[in-house]
Amino acid sequence: MANLNTTEAIEALAADIGENIYIDVAKWHLYLQDAHLHTLLAERIYPLLSNDTLEEDQVLRILQSIPVKLGGGKREVPLADLLPMQCQVNLMDLLEEFQRKM
């Protein structure tokens, strides 16, 4: 993965996120790819991966900063509030693995 340019790396990260991380709404799992949130999240997280240490609180701040519109835009909820704890753990594992491969 070291020879990928930035755009390709972000696309690869977005694909990993989109296929593995989901939001939970009334026990329904909506994967971020289907919710069209995977690319946005990858674009915001990718710069953190160049750091030697990936900090969970930085990732959580990014998750908090991404609003998800519900009910046709009647309400906005931070992405962090829609991810189950296990998905947050899985996201960190995924990011750490992606960072190791860079």
C-alpha atoms as a PDB file:
ATOM      1  CA  MET A   1       0.000   0.000   0.000  1.00  0.00           C
ATOM      2  CA  ALA A   2       3.050   2.244   0.307  1.00  0.00           C
ATOM      3  CA  ASN A   3       2.982   3.017  -3.408  1.00  0.00           C
ATOM      4  CA  LEU A   4      -0.635   4.216  -3.505  1.00  0.00           C
ATOM      5  CA  ASN A   5      -1.191   7.894  -4.088  1.00  0.00           C
ATOM      6  CA  THR A   6      -3.328   9.819  -1.632  1.00  0.00           C
ATOM      7  CA  THR A   7      -6.557   9.544  -3.655  1.00  0.00           C
ATOM      8  CA  GLU A   8      -6.190   5.786  -4.057  1.00  0.00           C
ATOM      9  CA  ALA A   9      -5.359   5.400  -0.366  1.00  0.00           C
ATOM     10  CA  ILE A  10      -8.432   7.377   0.681  1.00  0.00           C
ATOM     11  CA  GLU A  11     -10.588   5.306  -1.680  1.00  0.00           C
ATOM     12  CA  ALA A  12      -9.168   2.082  -0.216  1.00  0.00           C
ATOM     13  CA  LEU A  13      -9.760   3.342   3.321  1.00  0.00           C
ATOM     14  CA  ALA A  14     -13.297   4.422   2.402  1.00  0.00           C
ATOM     15  CA  ALA A  15     -14.010   0.970   0.974  1.00  0.00           C
ATOM     16  CA  ASP A  16     -12.786  -0.719   4.177  1.00  0.00           C
ATOM     17  CA  ILE A  17     -14.860   1.617   6.333  1.00  0.00           C
ATOM     18  CA  GLY A  18     -17.925   1.337   4.122  1.00  0.00           C
ATOM     19  CA  GLU A  19     -17.961  -2.459   4.164  1.00  0.00           C
ATOM     20  CA  ASN A  20     -17.228  -2.964   7.862  1.00  0.00           C
ATOM     21  CA  ILE A  21     -18.649  -0.072   9.880  1.00  0.00           C
ATOM     22  CA  TYR A  22     -22.346   0.563  10.335  1.00  0.00           C
ATOM     23  CA  ILE A  23     -24.789   2.794  12.136  1.00  0.00           C
ATOM     24  CA  ASP A  24     -27.483   1.177  14.227  1.00  0.00           C
ATOM     25  CA  VAL A  25     -31.021   2.511  13.942  1.00  0.00           C
ATOM     26  CA  ALA A  26     -33.717   0.528  15.744  1.00  0.00           C
ATOM     27  CA  LYS A  27     -31.483  -2.569  15.558  1.00  0.00           C
ATOM     28  CA  TRP A  28     -31.094  -2.150  11.794  1.00  0.00           C
ATOM     29  CA  HIS A  29     -27.509  -2.046  10.582  1.00  0.00           C
ATOM     30  CA  LEU A  30     -26.899   0.520   7.865  1.00  0.00           C
ATOM     31  CA  TYR A  31     -23.345   0.219   6.599  1.00  0.00           C
ATOM     32  CA  LEU A  32     -21.595   3.525   6.014  1.00  0.00           C
ATOM     33  CA  GLN A  33     -21.186   2.696   2.326  1.00  0.00           C
ATOM     34  CA  ASP A  34     -24.961   2.433   1.970  1.00  0.00           C
ATOM     35  CA  ALA A  35     -25.433   5.616   3.991  1.00  0.00           C
ATOM     36  CA  HIS A  36     -22.897   7.410   1.733  1.00  0.00           C
ATOM     37  CA  LEU A  37     -20.789   8.407   4.741  1.00  0.00           C
ATOM     38  CA  HIS A  38     -17.718   6.224   4.162  1.00  0.00           C
ATOM     39  CA  THR A  39     -15.832   8.570   1.830  1.00  0.00           C
ATOM     40  CA  LEU A  40     -16.413  11.646   3.970  1.00  0.00           C
ATOM     41  CA  LEU A  41     -15.191   9.789   7.043  1.00  0.00           C
ATOM     42  CA  ALA A  42     -12.131   8.425   5.210  1.00  0.00           C
ATOM     43  CA  GLU A  43     -11.229  11.897   3.918  1.00  0.00           C
ATOM     44  CA  ARG A  44     -11.348  13.335   7.422  1.00  0.00           C
ATOM     45  CA  ILE A  45      -9.508  10.480   9.116  1.00  0.00           C
ATOM     46  CA  TYR A  46      -6.790   9.873   6.507  1.00  0.00           C
ATOM     47  CA  PRO A  47      -4.566  12.804   7.611  1.00  0.00           C
ATOM     48  CA  LEU A  48      -4.406  11.283  11.111  1.00  0.00           C
ATOM     49  CA  LEU A  49      -2.894   8.094   9.733  1.00  0.00           C
ATOM     50  CA  SER A  50       0.345   9.862   8.838  1.00  0.00           C
ATOM     51  CA  ASN A  51       0.976  10.435  12.561  1.00  0.00           C
ATOM     52  CA  ASP A  52       3.031   7.861  14.399  1.00  0.00           C
ATOM     53  CA  THR A  53       0.305   7.315  16.965  1.00  0.00           C
ATOM     54  CA  LEU A  54      -3.358   7.194  16.109  1.00  0.00           C
ATOM     55  CA  GLU A  55      -5.347   8.712  18.981  1.00  0.00           C
ATOM     56  CA  GLU A  56      -8.841   7.421  19.650  1.00  0.00           C
ATOM     57  CA  ASP A  57      -9.993  10.813  20.945  1.00  0.00           C
ATOM     58  CA  GLN A  58      -9.052  12.401  17.599  1.00  0.00           C
ATOM     59  CA  VAL A  59     -11.173   9.839  15.754  1.00  0.00           C
ATOM     60  CA  LEU A  60     -14.057  10.393  18.173  1.00  0.00           C
ATOM     61  CA  ARG A  61     -13.873  14.155  17.597  1.00  0.00           C
ATOM     62  CA  ILE A  62     -14.160  13.530  13.860  1.00  0.00           C
ATOM     63  CA  LEU A  63     -17.128  11.214  14.415  1.00  0.00           C
ATOM     64  CA  GLN A  64     -18.758  13.903  16.570  1.00  0.00           C
ATOM     65  CA  SER A  65     -18.194  16.533  13.872  1.00  0.00           C
ATOM     66  CA  ILE A  66     -20.042  14.659  11.112  1.00  0.00           C
ATOM     67  CA  PRO A  67     -23.781  15.381  11.239  1.00  0.00           C
ATOM     68  CA  VAL A  68     -26.180  12.728   9.974  1.00  0.00           C
ATOM     69  CA  LYS A  69     -29.542  14.046   8.846  1.00  0.00           C
ATOM     70  CA  LEU A  70     -32.578  12.074   9.955  1.00  0.00           C
ATOM     71  CA  GLY A  71     -36.209  12.403   8.953  1.00  0.00           C
ATOM     72  CA  GLY A  72     -35.497  14.249   5.745  1.00  0.00           C
ATOM     73  CA  GLY A  73     -33.293  16.753   7.546  1.00  0.00           C
ATOM     74  CA  LYS A  74     -35.667  17.489  10.429  1.00  0.00           C
ATOM     75  CA  ARG A  75     -32.967  16.432  12.865  1.00  0.00           C
ATOM     76  CA  GLU A  76     -29.210  16.033  12.819  1.00  0.00           C
ATOM     77  CA  VAL A  77     -27.329  13.576  14.996  1.00  0.00           C
ATOM     78  CA  PRO A  78     -23.540  13.246  15.234  1.00  0.00           C
ATOM     79  CA  LEU A  79     -22.233  10.106  13.549  1.00  0.00           C
ATOM     80  CA  ALA A  80     -20.613   9.123  16.838  1.00  0.00           C
ATOM     81  CA  ASP A  81     -24.059   8.788  18.436  1.00  0.00           C
ATOM     82  CA  LEU A  82     -25.207   6.316  15.774  1.00  0.00           C
ATOM     83  CA  LEU A  83     -22.228   3.955  15.875  1.00  0.00           C
ATOM     84  CA  PRO A  84     -22.503   1.128  18.391  1.00  0.00           C
ATOM     85  CA  MET A  85     -19.506   0.831  20.720  1.00  0.00           C
ATOM     86  CA  GLN A  86     -18.366  -2.341  18.946  1.00  0.00           C
ATOM     87  CA  CYS A  87     -18.273  -0.464  15.637  1.00  0.00           C
ATOM     88  CA  GLN A  88     -16.134   2.248  17.203  1.00  0.00           C
ATOM     89  CA  VAL A  89     -13.733  -0.440  18.415  1.00  0.00           C
ATOM     90  CA  ASN A  90     -13.797  -2.094  14.986  1.00  0.00           C
ATOM     91  CA  LEU A  91     -13.135   1.270  13.344  1.00  0.00           C
ATOM     92  CA  MET A  92     -10.059   1.841  15.493  1.00  0.00           C
ATOM     93  CA  ASP A  93      -8.798  -1.671  14.713  1.00  0.00           C
ATOM     94  CA  LEU A  94      -9.402  -1.104  11.005  1.00  0.00           C
ATOM     95  CA  LEU A  95      -7.568   2.239  11.102  1.00  0.00           C
ATOM     96  CA  GLU A  96      -4.615   0.795  13.001  1.00  0.00           C
ATOM     97  CA  GLU A  97      -4.320  -2.051  10.502  1.00  0.00           C
ATOM     98  CA  PHE A  98      -4.586   0.356   7.565  1.00  0.00           C
ATOM     99  CA  GLN A  99      -1.919   2.574   9.130  1.00  0.00           C
ATOM    100  CA  ARG A 100       0.441  -0.408   9.542  1.00  0.00           C
ATOM    101  CA  LYS A 101       0.087  -1.232   5.843  1.00  0.00           C
ATOM    102  CA  MET A 102       0.860   2.310   4.710  1.00  0.00           C
END
